[in-house]
Protein backbone atom coordinates (compact mmCIF):
# COMPACT_ATOMS: atom_id res chain seq x y z
CA UNK A 1 -16.02 54.44 -7.35
CA UNK A 2 -19.26 56.36 -7.62
CA UNK A 3 -19.05 60.14 -7.98
CA UNK A 4 -21.92 62.61 -7.73
CA UNK A 5 -22.73 64.47 -10.93
CA UNK A 6 -21.85 67.96 -9.64
CA UNK A 7 -18.15 67.36 -10.42
CA UNK A 8 -19.05 66.83 -14.09
CA UNK A 9 -20.60 70.29 -14.63
CA UNK A 10 -18.94 73.64 -15.25
CA UNK A 11 -15.30 72.58 -14.93
CA UNK A 12 -12.10 74.06 -16.39
CA UNK A 13 -10.27 71.84 -18.89
CA UNK A 14 -6.61 71.61 -17.87
CA UNK A 15 -3.75 70.66 -20.19
CA UNK A 16 -0.87 68.50 -18.99
CA UNK A 17 1.28 69.81 -21.85
CA UNK A 18 0.85 73.53 -21.14
CA UNK A 19 0.03 73.31 -17.44
CA UNK A 20 -2.88 75.70 -17.79
CA UNK A 21 -6.54 76.07 -18.67
CA UNK A 22 -7.32 75.40 -22.35
CA UNK A 23 -11.11 75.45 -22.17
CA UNK A 24 -14.22 74.90 -20.15
CA UNK A 25 -16.35 71.74 -19.87
CA UNK A 26 -19.95 72.92 -19.62
CA UNK A 27 -22.14 69.85 -19.13
CA UNK A 28 -21.95 66.12 -19.83
CA UNK A 29 -22.92 64.61 -23.18
CA UNK A 30 -25.15 61.75 -21.97
CA UNK A 31 -26.23 58.89 -24.20
CA UNK A 32 -29.87 58.24 -23.16
CA UNK A 33 -29.79 54.74 -24.68
CA UNK A 34 -27.28 53.38 -22.17
CA UNK A 35 -26.92 56.23 -19.62
CA UNK A 36 -23.24 56.64 -20.37
CA UNK A 37 -21.33 59.91 -20.34
CA UNK A 38 -19.74 60.03 -23.80
CA UNK A 39 -18.01 63.35 -23.14
CA UNK A 40 -18.69 67.01 -22.37
CA UNK A 41 -19.91 69.98 -24.34
CA UNK A 42 -17.01 72.39 -24.09
CA UNK A 43 -15.54 75.69 -25.14
CA UNK A 44 -11.90 76.36 -26.01
CA UNK A 45 -9.86 79.39 -25.01
CA UNK A 46 -10.16 82.04 -27.72
CA UNK A 47 -12.74 80.09 -29.77
CA UNK A 48 -16.44 80.75 -30.20
CA UNK A 49 -17.43 77.33 -31.50
CA UNK A 50 -18.84 74.47 -29.46
CA UNK A 51 -16.53 71.53 -28.96
CA UNK A 52 -16.87 68.11 -27.39
CA UNK A 53 -14.36 66.72 -24.95
CA UNK A 54 -14.66 62.94 -25.35
CA UNK A 55 -14.56 60.85 -22.17
CA UNK A 56 -11.74 58.68 -23.53
CA UNK A 57 -9.54 61.81 -23.86
CA UNK A 58 -9.79 62.56 -20.12
CA UNK A 59 -6.71 61.66 -18.10
CA UNK A 60 -8.17 62.53 -14.69
CA UNK A 61 -10.86 64.54 -12.96
CA UNK A 62 -9.56 66.52 -10.01
CA UNK A 63 -10.93 69.30 -7.80
CA UNK A 64 -9.41 71.96 -10.06
CA UNK A 65 -10.97 70.56 -13.25
CA UNK A 66 -10.81 67.94 -15.99
CA UNK A 67 -7.27 66.99 -17.03
CA UNK A 68 -6.40 66.19 -20.67
CA UNK A 69 -3.16 65.92 -22.66
CA UNK A 70 -3.56 69.11 -24.72
CA UNK A 71 -5.91 71.21 -26.87
CA UNK A 72 -6.27 68.43 -29.45
CA UNK A 73 -8.53 66.65 -26.95
CA UNK A 74 -11.27 69.15 -27.82
CA UNK A 75 -13.10 68.03 -30.99
CA UNK A 76 -15.46 70.05 -33.20
CA UNK A 77 -19.01 68.71 -33.00
CA UNK A 78 -19.10 68.39 -36.81
CA UNK A 79 -16.23 65.89 -36.69
CA UNK A 80 -18.05 63.44 -34.41
CA UNK A 81 -20.14 61.50 -36.92
CA UNK A 82 -20.75 58.52 -34.61
CA UNK A 83 -22.14 60.77 -31.87
CA UNK A 84 -24.04 63.18 -34.15
CA UNK A 85 -27.52 61.88 -33.15
CA UNK A 86 -26.71 62.07 -29.44
CA UNK A 87 -25.22 65.56 -29.79
CA UNK A 88 -28.35 66.76 -31.62
CA UNK A 89 -30.61 65.39 -28.83
CA UNK A 90 -29.01 67.69 -26.22
CA UNK A 91 -30.29 65.20 -23.63
CA UNK A 92 -30.28 66.53 -20.06
CA UNK A 93 -30.89 64.29 -17.07
CA UNK A 94 -31.15 66.93 -14.31
CA UNK A 95 -34.78 67.99 -13.63
CA UNK A 96 -36.16 65.18 -15.83
CA UNK A 97 -39.50 63.94 -14.34
CA UNK A 98 -39.58 60.35 -13.05
CA UNK A 99 -42.80 58.31 -13.13
CA UNK A 100 -43.73 54.68 -12.57
CA UNK A 101 -45.26 52.27 -15.09
CA UNK A 102 -48.66 53.04 -13.60
CA UNK A 103 -48.10 56.80 -14.22
CA UNK A 104 -47.50 57.69 -10.56
CA UNK A 105 -45.28 60.77 -10.29
CA UNK A 106 -42.17 60.14 -8.20
CA UNK A 107 -40.35 63.46 -8.61
CA UNK A 108 -37.52 64.96 -10.66
CA UNK A 109 -33.87 63.98 -11.02
CA UNK A 110 -31.90 66.22 -8.69
CA UNK A 111 -28.48 64.62 -9.21
CA UNK A 112 -26.99 61.27 -10.20
CA UNK A 113 -24.06 59.02 -9.35
CA UNK A 114 -21.54 57.98 -12.00
CA UNK A 115 -19.10 55.06 -11.97
CA UNK A 116 -15.88 56.98 -12.63
CA UNK A 117 -14.21 53.98 -14.34
CA UNK A 118 -16.91 53.20 -16.93
CA UNK A 119 -18.58 56.66 -16.98
CA UNK A 120 -21.99 55.02 -16.67
CA UNK A 121 -24.76 56.50 -14.56
CA UNK A 122 -25.62 54.02 -11.80
CA UNK A 123 -28.07 55.85 -9.52
CA UNK A 124 -30.56 58.68 -9.83
CA UNK A 125 -31.36 60.87 -6.83
CA UNK A 126 -34.97 62.00 -7.07
CA UNK A 127 -36.33 65.02 -5.25
CA UNK A 128 -40.03 65.21 -4.47
CA UNK A 129 -42.15 68.29 -4.21
CA UNK A 130 -42.21 69.80 -0.75
CA UNK A 131 -45.97 69.42 -0.53
CA UNK A 132 -46.02 65.77 -1.55
CA UNK A 133 -43.93 64.25 1.17
CA UNK A 134 -42.64 66.05 4.25
CA UNK A 135 -40.86 63.01 5.72
CA UNK A 136 -38.86 61.90 2.69
CA UNK A 137 -36.99 64.46 0.65
CA UNK A 138 -35.04 62.23 -1.70
CA UNK A 139 -35.42 58.80 -3.26
CA UNK A 140 -32.62 56.80 -4.85
CA UNK A 141 -33.37 54.92 -8.06
CA UNK A 142 -30.95 52.27 -9.32
CA UNK A 143 -30.42 52.06 -13.08
CA UNK A 144 -31.84 48.50 -13.03
CA UNK A 145 -35.26 49.97 -12.11
CA UNK A 146 -35.41 52.11 -15.25
CA UNK A 147 -37.68 50.78 -17.98
CA UNK A 148 -37.63 53.61 -20.50
CA UNK A 149 -36.13 57.05 -21.01
CA UNK A 150 -37.98 59.46 -23.27
CA UNK A 151 -37.46 63.10 -24.19
CA UNK A 152 -39.96 64.12 -21.50
CA UNK A 153 -39.62 61.60 -18.65
CA UNK A 154 -37.99 58.55 -17.10
CA UNK A 155 -40.25 55.55 -16.51
CA UNK A 156 -39.33 53.14 -13.71
CA UNK A 157 -40.77 49.85 -12.47
CA UNK A 158 -43.66 50.00 -10.02
CA UNK A 159 -42.52 49.14 -6.53
CA UNK A 160 -44.57 46.99 -4.23
CA UNK A 161 -46.54 48.98 -1.71
CA UNK A 162 -46.30 47.87 1.94
CA UNK A 163 -49.39 46.21 3.40
CA UNK A 164 -50.85 48.09 6.35
CA UNK A 165 -51.48 46.22 9.58
CA UNK A 166 -54.97 44.66 9.48
CA UNK A 167 -55.15 44.53 5.69
CA UNK A 168 -55.11 41.32 3.69
CA UNK A 169 -52.30 40.90 1.24
CA UNK A 170 -53.42 39.85 -2.21
CA UNK A 171 -51.21 38.40 -4.84
CA UNK A 172 -51.87 38.75 -8.55
CA UNK A 173 -50.16 36.53 -11.05
C-alpha cells in the first residue's frame, strides 16, 4: 500500500522489548540511485551521536512511531560501510526542484508516496508556485517519468502538450 511521506519524518522509535521509546527517527535515508528508503537518520535516548535505523530492522510503522525489536536496531553511521556514500550525500527529496528535459520548471517536491512493502518511492507530489498556476496546485509524477536525479534537481520526461482547437497537430519523428 502507498503511504504519504509525512509518516516517515520525526517519529519516535519504539522498542518491543522494553515497551517504550528508545530513540527518535528524524528523516529518511533515501538512496537517490533507486529512490528507496534505506533507513532513517536517528538519535538514541541518552546518546549524542547520529545513528541509522535500517529499514530491514523495522517491524512496523504505526501512528505512535516506528516499531523495532530493541536498541540494537540503531546502528552507528561509521559501521555502515555499504551505505557510507549514501549517508555522506545527505540526499533530501522534499523541496527538490523538478524540471523537464527541455528545462521547463514544473515545481518542487512537496511530498511523496512510498510503497510500504518495498520502501520504494513511487510517486512525487509537486507543488507549483502560486503565481504560475492558479487552477492547478499540485501535480503527481510517477517514478517511471523520472530520467535523472541530481544534487540540485529532478529531471522528468517532457509531456505532450494538448493541441488547441483550430491548431494543426504536427508529429516529429
